[in-house]
Amino acid sequence: MSAIIEHFKTLTQIPHCSKEADKLLDFLVAFAKERNYKVEVDGVKNIYISKGRPTLCLQAHYDMVCMGKAPMIETYVEEGLMKAKESSLGADNGMAIAMMMQCMDEDRELEFLLTSDEEIGLIGANEVAFNLQAKYMLNLDSEDEAEVYIGCAGGADITAFKQDAYVEGSGTCYEVAVKGLVGGHSGVDIDKAIPSAIKVLGRYLVENEVRQLASIYAGERRNSIPANAVAIVRSEKRLETKGDVTVRELNESPKVLNGGEKIISLIDSFKHGVHAMNDELGIPDVSINLAIITADEKGGVKIDTSARAMGAQELEDLTEETVRLFHDYGFEVQVEDKYPAWKPDISAFTNLVSDEMKAVFGKTKMMAIHAGLECGVIAEKYPAMKFASIGPTIRYPHSTREEVDLASVERTYEVLLRIMKRI
């Protein structure tokens, strides 16, 4: 197995979930210093590594979305694909970090920008303020080989909170659960007809005229399509297992939320998924993920959503629409971690990257992606710099099905070496 893959396997054994990546930060700082690179770490734990007078900066994030058993990751290879047993793999964006490590092993005169907490709102990228020297930045966070990304969606996380009261309920108590759906990335997978566990649960409750909600714990991460949802309800009507919904009768008589019927109605009516397609780019133009819903024992109901759009006005319109909907249901609303779209830009640099991609893969195309690449945020801070994004084929990121094509990794690294030689 190649040195890059060995580096990646090392990374999988160092915990680096978002907000909990200090061990990997320390490892990467030591790794770079041992190879005589200069290293800086800022207040939000971004890492800047450089040597010589570089013209190219490689950029990636070093946190990962931890699903299933992660950060306990056990990798295996099947038909040329690396996967993880019952956990997310962290190839997004760990494979990019492994490529950077290989560049340092080869003593390349480059600079590297490794950002923190990208997966929970591009937090590190928003605070980047290093004195970057390079004229060009190559982001390594794309997930389809032979494609050069020149634009991405902007986004915002919209959270809603409501304090409710508990009242006496009636009827039989049930646990209604939707578990083990496939999940996926709330941006790049949002148009792939992947069912949302929250929406499946909501539809079942409405169809069975359930109006009494005792508690709900649904969804995993803001940027993941929900794979699991569990509600405790009371019902005068007998409930039975159907399709993806498993029903279990409980010998309990819990109180129920006073506004439980409205919560169920909101879940069912919420327009999760793609709102508009971008025909020119062949990707979603506007979407929103109904990501997490919880109701605790004190009556606090919290909802997390992740909105995305390829244009600033479209994102603003979707945000306002969602805020109004939550207000109509009596929620307090906050808009957090807003980041700009990266407007598609064809330049001499993107053409160079595209040429080298074609030389290795025999084909190439320039694309935009319906997800938040850090290029949009960083480009606003370094307007003179030219940007492009590439990466190996990674499927089903942000889920326990995540897998990376190992041959694609090797060929993408060959493209990277060719770009470095040209620049």
Protein backbone atom coordinates (compact mmCIF):
# COMPACT_ATOMS: atom_id res chain seq x y z
CA MET A 1 0.00 0.00 0.00
CA SER A 2 1.32 3.44 -0.93
CA ALA A 3 2.88 5.91 1.49
CA ILE A 4 -0.15 8.20 1.16
CA ILE A 5 -2.53 5.43 2.22
CA GLU A 6 -0.24 4.52 5.12
CA HIS A 7 -0.27 8.15 6.22
CA PHE A 8 -4.06 8.13 6.05
CA LYS A 9 -4.30 4.95 8.12
CA THR A 10 -2.14 6.67 10.76
CA LEU A 11 -4.57 9.60 10.79
CA THR A 12 -7.57 7.31 11.35
CA GLN A 13 -6.02 6.20 14.66
CA ILE A 14 -5.76 9.78 15.99
CA PRO A 15 -9.15 11.14 17.16
CA HIS A 16 -10.14 14.27 15.23
CA CYS A 17 -13.87 14.79 15.43
CA SER A 18 -14.88 18.42 15.04
CA LYS A 19 -14.13 20.39 18.22
CA GLU A 20 -12.07 17.43 19.50
CA ALA A 21 -9.06 17.41 17.17
CA ASP A 22 -6.25 18.65 19.45
CA LYS A 23 -4.39 15.33 19.30
CA LEU A 24 -4.25 15.50 15.53
CA LEU A 25 -3.21 19.16 15.67
CA ASP A 26 -0.27 18.25 17.91
CA PHE A 27 0.67 15.34 15.66
CA LEU A 28 0.64 17.45 12.48
CA VAL A 29 2.65 20.27 14.06
CA ALA A 30 5.31 17.78 15.20
CA PHE A 31 5.28 16.01 11.82
CA ALA A 32 5.96 19.27 9.95
CA LYS A 33 8.63 20.51 12.36
CA GLU A 34 10.49 17.20 12.17
CA ARG A 35 10.78 17.84 8.42
CA ASN A 36 12.09 21.39 8.95
CA TYR A 37 8.96 23.25 7.92
CA LYS A 38 7.94 26.48 9.62
CA VAL A 39 4.71 26.14 11.59
CA GLU A 40 2.21 28.62 13.00
CA VAL A 41 -1.03 27.88 14.90
CA ASP A 42 -3.62 30.61 15.43
CA GLY A 43 -6.24 31.18 18.12
CA VAL A 44 -8.90 28.98 16.49
CA LYS A 45 -6.36 26.17 15.85
CA ASN A 46 -5.76 26.67 12.14
CA ILE A 47 -2.31 25.38 11.15
CA TYR A 48 -0.01 27.16 8.67
CA ILE A 49 3.03 25.25 7.41
CA SER A 50 5.58 26.57 4.92
CA LYS A 51 9.04 26.11 3.42
CA GLY A 52 11.04 28.32 1.06
CA ARG A 53 9.28 30.78 -1.23
CA PRO A 54 6.25 28.82 -2.39
CA THR A 55 3.98 29.79 -5.28
CA LEU A 56 1.34 27.16 -4.41
CA CYS A 57 -0.66 26.69 -1.20
CA LEU A 58 -2.42 23.39 -0.53
CA GLN A 59 -5.51 23.72 1.66
CA ALA A 60 -7.70 21.26 3.55
CA HIS A 61 -9.49 20.88 6.89
CA TYR A 62 -8.28 18.42 9.51
CA ASP A 63 -11.50 17.74 11.43
CA MET A 64 -13.97 15.01 10.44
CA VAL A 65 -17.64 14.16 10.88
CA CYS A 66 -17.76 11.33 13.42
CA MET A 67 -20.64 8.91 12.78
CA GLY A 68 -21.26 5.48 14.25
CA LYS A 69 -18.29 4.23 16.27
CA ALA A 70 -15.96 7.06 15.18
CA PRO A 71 -13.47 8.22 16.37
CA MET A 72 -12.81 4.50 16.89
CA ILE A 73 -12.08 3.70 13.24
CA GLU A 74 -11.24 0.25 11.88
CA THR A 75 -10.45 0.40 8.17
CA TYR A 76 -10.66 -2.36 5.59
CA VAL A 77 -10.29 -2.56 1.81
CA GLU A 78 -12.89 -4.14 -0.46
CA GLU A 79 -12.58 -4.17 -4.26
CA GLY A 80 -10.21 -1.22 -4.26
CA LEU A 81 -12.31 0.84 -1.86
CA MET A 82 -11.27 1.70 1.68
CA LYS A 83 -14.13 1.69 4.18
CA ALA A 84 -14.61 1.67 7.95
CA LYS A 85 -16.46 -0.85 10.09
CA GLU A 86 -19.62 0.77 11.50
CA SER A 87 -18.22 4.31 11.42
CA SER A 88 -17.47 7.20 9.15
CA LEU A 89 -14.02 6.90 7.60
CA GLY A 90 -12.71 10.47 7.70
CA ALA A 91 -11.41 10.40 4.11
CA ASP A 92 -13.20 13.74 4.03
CA ASN A 93 -10.73 15.47 4.50
CA GLY A 94 -8.12 13.12 5.94
CA MET A 95 -7.00 11.87 2.55
CA ALA A 96 -6.02 15.44 1.66
CA ILE A 97 -3.97 15.68 4.86
CA ALA A 98 -2.25 12.41 3.94
CA MET A 99 -1.29 13.87 0.56
CA MET A 100 0.13 16.93 2.31
CA MET A 101 2.15 14.67 4.62
CA GLN A 102 3.58 12.91 1.56
CA CYS A 103 4.54 16.30 0.06
CA MET A 104 6.40 17.12 3.29
CA ASP A 105 8.15 13.74 3.20
CA GLU A 106 9.30 14.70 -0.31
CA ASP A 107 10.54 18.09 0.97
CA ARG A 108 8.35 20.09 -1.40
CA GLU A 109 8.66 23.88 -1.35
CA LEU A 110 5.03 24.63 -0.59
CA GLU A 111 2.78 26.21 1.97
CA PHE A 112 -0.07 24.33 3.61
CA LEU A 113 -3.19 25.74 5.23
CA LEU A 114 -4.96 23.23 7.48
CA THR A 115 -8.19 24.64 8.86
CA SER A 116 -10.08 23.65 11.98
CA ASP A 117 -13.74 22.76 12.50
CA GLU A 118 -14.79 23.03 8.86
CA GLU A 119 -17.49 20.41 9.32
CA ILE A 120 -19.44 22.47 11.85
CA GLY A 121 -19.56 25.76 10.01
CA LEU A 122 -16.20 26.62 8.38
CA ILE A 123 -15.16 28.02 11.75
CA GLY A 124 -11.42 27.93 11.12
CA ALA A 125 -11.63 29.34 7.59
CA ASN A 126 -13.64 32.31 8.83
CA GLU A 127 -10.75 33.32 11.12
CA VAL A 128 -7.76 32.69 8.82
CA ALA A 129 -5.33 35.64 8.89
CA PHE A 130 -1.91 34.15 8.13
CA ASN A 131 0.52 35.98 5.84
CA LEU A 132 0.10 33.63 2.88
CA GLN A 133 2.81 33.97 0.21
CA ALA A 134 1.52 31.85 -2.68
CA LYS A 135 -0.29 33.20 -5.74
CA TYR A 136 -2.39 30.05 -6.08
CA MET A 137 -4.40 27.93 -3.68
CA LEU A 138 -5.44 24.37 -4.42
CA ASN A 139 -8.17 23.12 -2.11
CA LEU A 140 -8.14 19.30 -1.76
CA ASP A 141 -11.65 18.84 -0.39
CA SER A 142 -13.54 17.83 -3.55
CA GLU A 143 -14.85 14.30 -3.84
CA ASP A 144 -14.96 13.33 -7.53
CA GLU A 145 -11.88 12.42 -9.54
CA ALA A 146 -11.22 14.08 -12.92
CA GLU A 147 -13.29 17.13 -11.93
CA VAL A 148 -12.01 20.61 -11.21
CA TYR A 149 -14.24 22.62 -8.90
CA ILE A 150 -14.38 26.36 -9.50
CA GLY A 151 -17.40 27.33 -7.37
CA CYS A 152 -19.49 26.21 -4.40
CA ALA A 153 -22.67 26.92 -2.47
CA GLY A 154 -22.95 29.35 0.37
CA GLY A 155 -24.75 28.29 3.51
CA ALA A 156 -26.21 29.11 6.88
CA ASP A 157 -27.22 27.08 9.93
CA ILE A 158 -30.67 28.04 11.20
CA THR A 159 -31.57 26.92 14.72
CA ALA A 160 -34.90 27.25 16.48
CA PHE A 161 -35.77 26.88 20.16
CA LYS A 162 -39.04 26.81 22.04
CA GLN A 163 -39.75 26.28 25.71
CA ASP A 164 -42.87 24.15 26.08
CA ALA A 165 -44.75 22.77 29.07
CA TYR A 166 -45.71 19.19 29.86
CA VAL A 167 -49.34 18.24 30.43
CA GLU A 168 -51.18 15.02 31.25
CA GLY A 169 -51.57 12.64 28.30
CA SER A 170 -53.94 9.84 27.43
CA GLY A 171 -53.91 6.58 25.55
CA THR A 172 -51.18 3.99 25.09
CA CYS A 173 -47.52 4.92 25.14
CA TYR A 174 -45.30 3.89 22.21
CA GLU A 175 -41.72 4.22 21.09
CA VAL A 176 -41.80 5.05 17.38
CA ALA A 177 -38.39 4.69 15.76
CA VAL A 178 -36.72 5.01 12.38
CA LYS A 179 -33.20 3.63 12.65
CA GLY A 180 -30.30 2.77 10.40
CA LEU A 181 -31.22 4.63 7.23
CA VAL A 182 -28.26 5.25 4.94
CA GLY A 183 -27.75 8.95 5.70
CA GLY A 184 -25.39 11.09 3.66
CA HIS A 185 -23.94 14.55 3.09
CA SER A 186 -26.59 17.25 3.36
CA GLY A 187 -25.10 19.09 0.37
CA VAL A 188 -23.74 16.75 -2.29
CA ASP A 189 -26.23 13.95 -1.47
CA ILE A 190 -29.35 16.07 -0.93
CA ASP A 191 -30.65 15.35 -4.47
CA LYS A 192 -30.02 11.60 -4.36
CA ALA A 193 -33.45 10.59 -2.99
CA ILE A 194 -31.93 9.52 0.34
CA PRO A 195 -34.79 9.36 2.87
CA SER A 196 -34.64 11.52 5.99
CA ALA A 197 -35.42 9.59 9.17
CA ILE A 198 -37.06 12.73 10.61
CA LYS A 199 -39.37 13.14 7.63
CA VAL A 200 -40.24 9.42 7.56
CA LEU A 201 -41.10 9.61 11.28
CA GLY A 202 -43.17 12.78 10.86
CA ARG A 203 -45.19 11.35 7.96
CA TYR A 204 -45.98 8.20 9.97
CA LEU A 205 -47.18 10.19 12.98
CA VAL A 206 -49.44 12.40 10.85
CA GLU A 207 -50.86 9.47 8.88
CA ASN A 208 -51.67 7.68 12.15
CA GLU A 209 -53.24 10.79 13.72
CA VAL A 210 -50.72 10.93 16.56
CA ARG A 211 -51.06 14.23 18.41
CA GLN A 212 -49.29 13.60 21.73
CA LEU A 213 -45.51 13.86 21.78
CA ALA A 214 -43.61 13.07 24.98
CA SER A 215 -40.06 13.33 23.59
CA ILE A 216 -38.06 13.16 20.38
CA TYR A 217 -34.38 12.62 19.64
CA ALA A 218 -33.73 12.69 15.91
CA GLY A 219 -30.78 13.30 13.60
CA GLU A 220 -27.02 13.25 14.16
CA ARG A 221 -25.20 16.25 12.64
CA ARG A 222 -26.28 19.51 11.00
CA ASN A 223 -24.55 18.57 7.77
CA SER A 224 -25.79 14.96 7.63
CA ILE A 225 -29.09 13.70 6.26
CA PRO A 226 -30.74 12.15 9.35
CA ALA A 227 -30.34 8.39 9.57
CA ASN A 228 -32.08 7.87 12.94
CA ALA A 229 -35.11 9.31 14.71
CA VAL A 230 -36.90 8.13 17.87
CA ALA A 231 -40.04 9.58 19.45
CA ILE A 232 -42.03 8.63 22.54
CA VAL A 233 -45.72 9.29 21.90
CA ARG A 234 -49.14 8.51 23.29
CA SER A 235 -52.03 7.50 21.09
CA GLU A 236 -55.69 6.53 21.41
CA LYS A 237 -55.26 4.63 18.15
CA ARG A 238 -53.25 1.41 18.07
CA LEU A 239 -49.88 1.90 16.35
CA GLU A 240 -48.06 -0.84 14.46
CA THR A 241 -44.71 -1.28 12.73
CA LYS A 242 -44.79 -0.28 9.08
CA GLY A 243 -41.99 -0.02 6.51
CA ASP A 244 -38.95 1.75 7.99
CA VAL A 245 -40.91 2.65 11.13
CA THR A 246 -40.58 0.31 14.12
CA VAL A 247 -43.20 0.60 16.88
CA ARG A 248 -42.84 -0.74 20.41
CA GLU A 249 -45.54 -0.49 23.09
CA LEU A 250 -44.27 0.82 26.44
CA ASN A 251 -45.76 0.23 29.87
CA GLU A 252 -45.49 3.91 30.80
CA SER A 253 -47.75 6.93 31.18
CA PRO A 254 -45.55 9.95 30.48
CA LYS A 255 -46.72 13.52 30.30
CA VAL A 256 -46.74 15.04 26.83
CA LEU A 257 -45.68 18.38 25.37
CA ASN A 258 -48.48 20.93 25.30
CA GLY A 259 -47.51 21.89 21.76
CA GLY A 260 -46.68 18.37 20.59
CA GLU A 261 -49.25 18.31 17.81
CA LYS A 262 -47.77 21.47 16.30
CA ILE A 263 -44.25 20.00 16.47
CA ILE A 264 -45.44 16.92 14.56
CA SER A 265 -47.17 19.16 12.01
CA LEU A 266 -44.00 21.24 11.58
CA ILE A 267 -41.88 18.14 10.97
CA ASP A 268 -44.30 16.86 8.35
CA SER A 269 -44.75 20.19 6.55
CA PHE A 270 -41.08 21.29 6.58
CA LYS A 271 -39.73 21.40 3.00
CA HIS A 272 -36.62 19.31 3.56
CA GLY A 273 -34.49 18.67 0.48
CA VAL A 274 -33.96 20.42 -2.85
CA HIS A 275 -35.97 23.61 -3.40
CA ALA A 276 -34.54 24.44 -6.83
CA MET A 277 -32.10 22.92 -9.33
CA ASN A 278 -29.37 24.77 -11.20
CA ASP A 279 -29.87 23.55 -14.77
CA GLU A 280 -26.69 25.22 -16.04
CA LEU A 281 -24.45 23.48 -13.50
CA GLY A 282 -26.54 20.30 -13.21
CA ILE A 283 -26.62 20.46 -9.40
CA PRO A 284 -29.05 21.68 -6.73
CA ASP A 285 -29.32 25.45 -6.59
CA VAL A 286 -31.19 25.78 -3.26
CA SER A 287 -31.70 23.18 -0.52
CA ILE A 288 -32.22 22.76 3.18
CA ASN A 289 -31.57 19.85 5.57
CA LEU A 290 -33.91 19.29 8.53
CA ALA A 291 -31.01 17.94 10.53
CA ILE A 292 -31.72 17.52 14.26
CA ILE A 293 -34.75 17.74 16.55
CA THR A 294 -34.63 17.18 20.29
CA ALA A 295 -37.11 17.68 23.10
CA ASP A 296 -35.69 17.32 26.60
CA GLU A 297 -37.35 16.41 29.88
CA LYS A 298 -37.67 20.11 30.79
CA GLY A 299 -39.76 20.90 27.73
CA GLY A 300 -37.08 22.57 25.65
CA VAL A 301 -37.57 21.84 21.94
CA LYS A 302 -34.60 22.54 19.63
CA ILE A 303 -34.40 22.21 15.85
CA ASP A 304 -31.22 22.48 13.75
CA THR A 305 -31.26 23.01 9.99
CA SER A 306 -28.59 23.59 7.35
CA ALA A 307 -29.48 25.80 4.36
CA ARG A 308 -27.44 26.03 1.13
CA ALA A 309 -27.68 28.06 -2.08
CA MET A 310 -25.44 28.80 -5.05
CA GLY A 311 -26.23 32.53 -4.91
CA ALA A 312 -26.29 35.12 -2.12
CA GLN A 313 -29.85 36.30 -2.78
CA GLU A 314 -31.19 32.76 -2.98
CA LEU A 315 -29.57 31.94 0.37
CA GLU A 316 -31.04 35.10 1.91
CA ASP A 317 -34.53 34.23 0.60
CA LEU A 318 -34.36 30.66 1.92
CA THR A 319 -33.08 31.85 5.29
CA GLU A 320 -35.89 34.40 5.64
CA GLU A 321 -38.50 31.83 4.60
CA THR A 322 -37.25 29.34 7.19
CA VAL A 323 -37.06 31.95 9.95
CA ARG A 324 -40.68 33.00 9.22
CA LEU A 325 -41.84 29.38 9.36
CA PHE A 326 -40.26 28.81 12.77
CA HIS A 327 -41.66 32.11 14.07
CA ASP A 328 -45.12 31.04 12.92
CA TYR A 329 -44.77 27.96 15.14
CA GLY A 330 -43.70 30.05 18.13
CA PHE A 331 -39.95 29.40 18.04
CA GLU A 332 -37.09 31.74 18.76
CA VAL A 333 -34.64 31.61 15.86
CA GLN A 334 -30.92 32.16 15.35
CA VAL A 335 -28.96 32.21 12.09
CA GLU A 336 -25.40 30.95 12.68
CA ASP A 337 -22.17 30.15 10.82
CA LYS A 338 -23.18 31.90 7.60
CA TYR A 339 -20.61 31.57 4.82
CA PRO A 340 -20.49 32.94 1.26
CA ALA A 341 -20.87 31.14 -2.02
CA TRP A 342 -17.75 30.85 -4.17
CA LYS A 343 -18.81 32.30 -7.51
CA PRO A 344 -17.55 30.11 -10.38
CA ASP A 345 -14.35 31.62 -11.80
CA ILE A 346 -12.42 30.28 -14.82
CA SER A 347 -8.82 31.51 -14.82
CA ALA A 348 -5.42 30.57 -16.23
CA PHE A 349 -4.90 28.58 -13.01
CA THR A 350 -8.14 26.59 -13.32
CA ASN A 351 -7.29 25.90 -16.97
CA LEU A 352 -3.83 24.64 -15.93
CA VAL A 353 -5.36 22.34 -13.31
CA SER A 354 -7.91 21.11 -15.83
CA ASP A 355 -5.18 20.36 -18.39
CA GLU A 356 -3.19 18.25 -15.91
CA MET A 357 -6.35 16.47 -14.80
CA LYS A 358 -7.05 15.50 -18.40
CA ALA A 359 -3.44 14.35 -18.88
CA VAL A 360 -3.82 11.83 -16.03
CA PHE A 361 -7.47 10.78 -16.27
CA GLY A 362 -8.05 11.26 -20.01
CA LYS A 363 -11.00 13.52 -19.26
CA THR A 364 -11.92 16.50 -17.14
CA LYS A 365 -14.68 19.00 -16.55
CA MET A 366 -15.04 22.15 -14.54
CA MET A 367 -17.78 22.00 -11.94
CA ALA A 368 -19.41 23.77 -9.04
CA ILE A 369 -20.51 21.86 -5.95
CA HIS A 370 -23.62 22.16 -3.78
CA ALA A 371 -21.59 22.15 -0.58
CA GLY A 372 -19.46 24.57 1.37
CA LEU A 373 -15.85 24.55 0.24
CA GLU A 374 -13.59 26.86 2.19
CA CYS A 375 -12.47 28.59 -1.02
CA GLY A 376 -15.42 30.99 -0.83
CA VAL A 377 -14.48 32.22 2.64
CA ILE A 378 -10.72 32.30 2.05
CA ALA A 379 -11.05 34.01 -1.35
CA GLU A 380 -12.71 36.98 0.34
CA LYS A 381 -9.66 37.32 2.60
CA TYR A 382 -7.05 36.91 -0.17
CA PRO A 383 -8.61 38.55 -3.27
CA ALA A 384 -5.38 38.45 -5.32
CA MET A 385 -5.09 34.67 -5.00
CA LYS A 386 -6.45 32.26 -7.62
CA PHE A 387 -8.32 29.14 -6.48
CA ALA A 388 -9.31 25.68 -7.66
CA SER A 389 -10.43 22.51 -5.87
CA ILE A 390 -9.74 18.85 -6.65
CA GLY A 391 -9.87 15.54 -4.80
CA PRO A 392 -10.11 11.75 -5.13
CA THR A 393 -13.42 9.96 -5.39
CA ILE A 394 -15.06 9.76 -1.95
CA ARG A 395 -18.60 8.41 -1.71
CA TYR A 396 -21.17 8.87 1.06
CA PRO A 397 -19.15 11.24 3.28
CA HIS A 398 -20.67 12.09 6.68
CA SER A 399 -22.12 8.58 6.98
CA THR A 400 -21.09 5.09 8.05
CA ARG A 401 -21.07 4.13 4.34
CA GLU A 402 -18.19 6.50 3.57
CA GLU A 403 -15.64 5.00 1.17
CA VAL A 404 -12.65 6.21 -0.84
CA ASP A 405 -11.34 4.86 -4.15
CA LEU A 406 -7.66 4.09 -3.51
CA ALA A 407 -6.65 4.12 -7.18
CA SER A 408 -8.28 7.52 -7.45
CA VAL A 409 -6.11 8.76 -4.57
CA GLU A 410 -2.94 7.74 -6.38
CA ARG A 411 -3.99 9.34 -9.66
CA THR A 412 -5.13 12.53 -7.97
CA TYR A 413 -1.73 12.80 -6.30
CA GLU A 414 -0.14 12.40 -9.73
CA VAL A 415 -2.25 15.35 -10.91
CA LEU A 416 -1.05 17.31 -7.89
CA LEU A 417 2.60 16.61 -8.73
CA ARG A 418 2.05 17.71 -12.32
CA ILE A 419 0.43 20.97 -11.16
CA MET A 420 3.38 21.63 -8.85
CA LYS A 421 5.81 21.03 -11.71
CA ARG A 422 3.95 23.45 -14.01
CA ILE A 423 3.75 26.19 -11.37
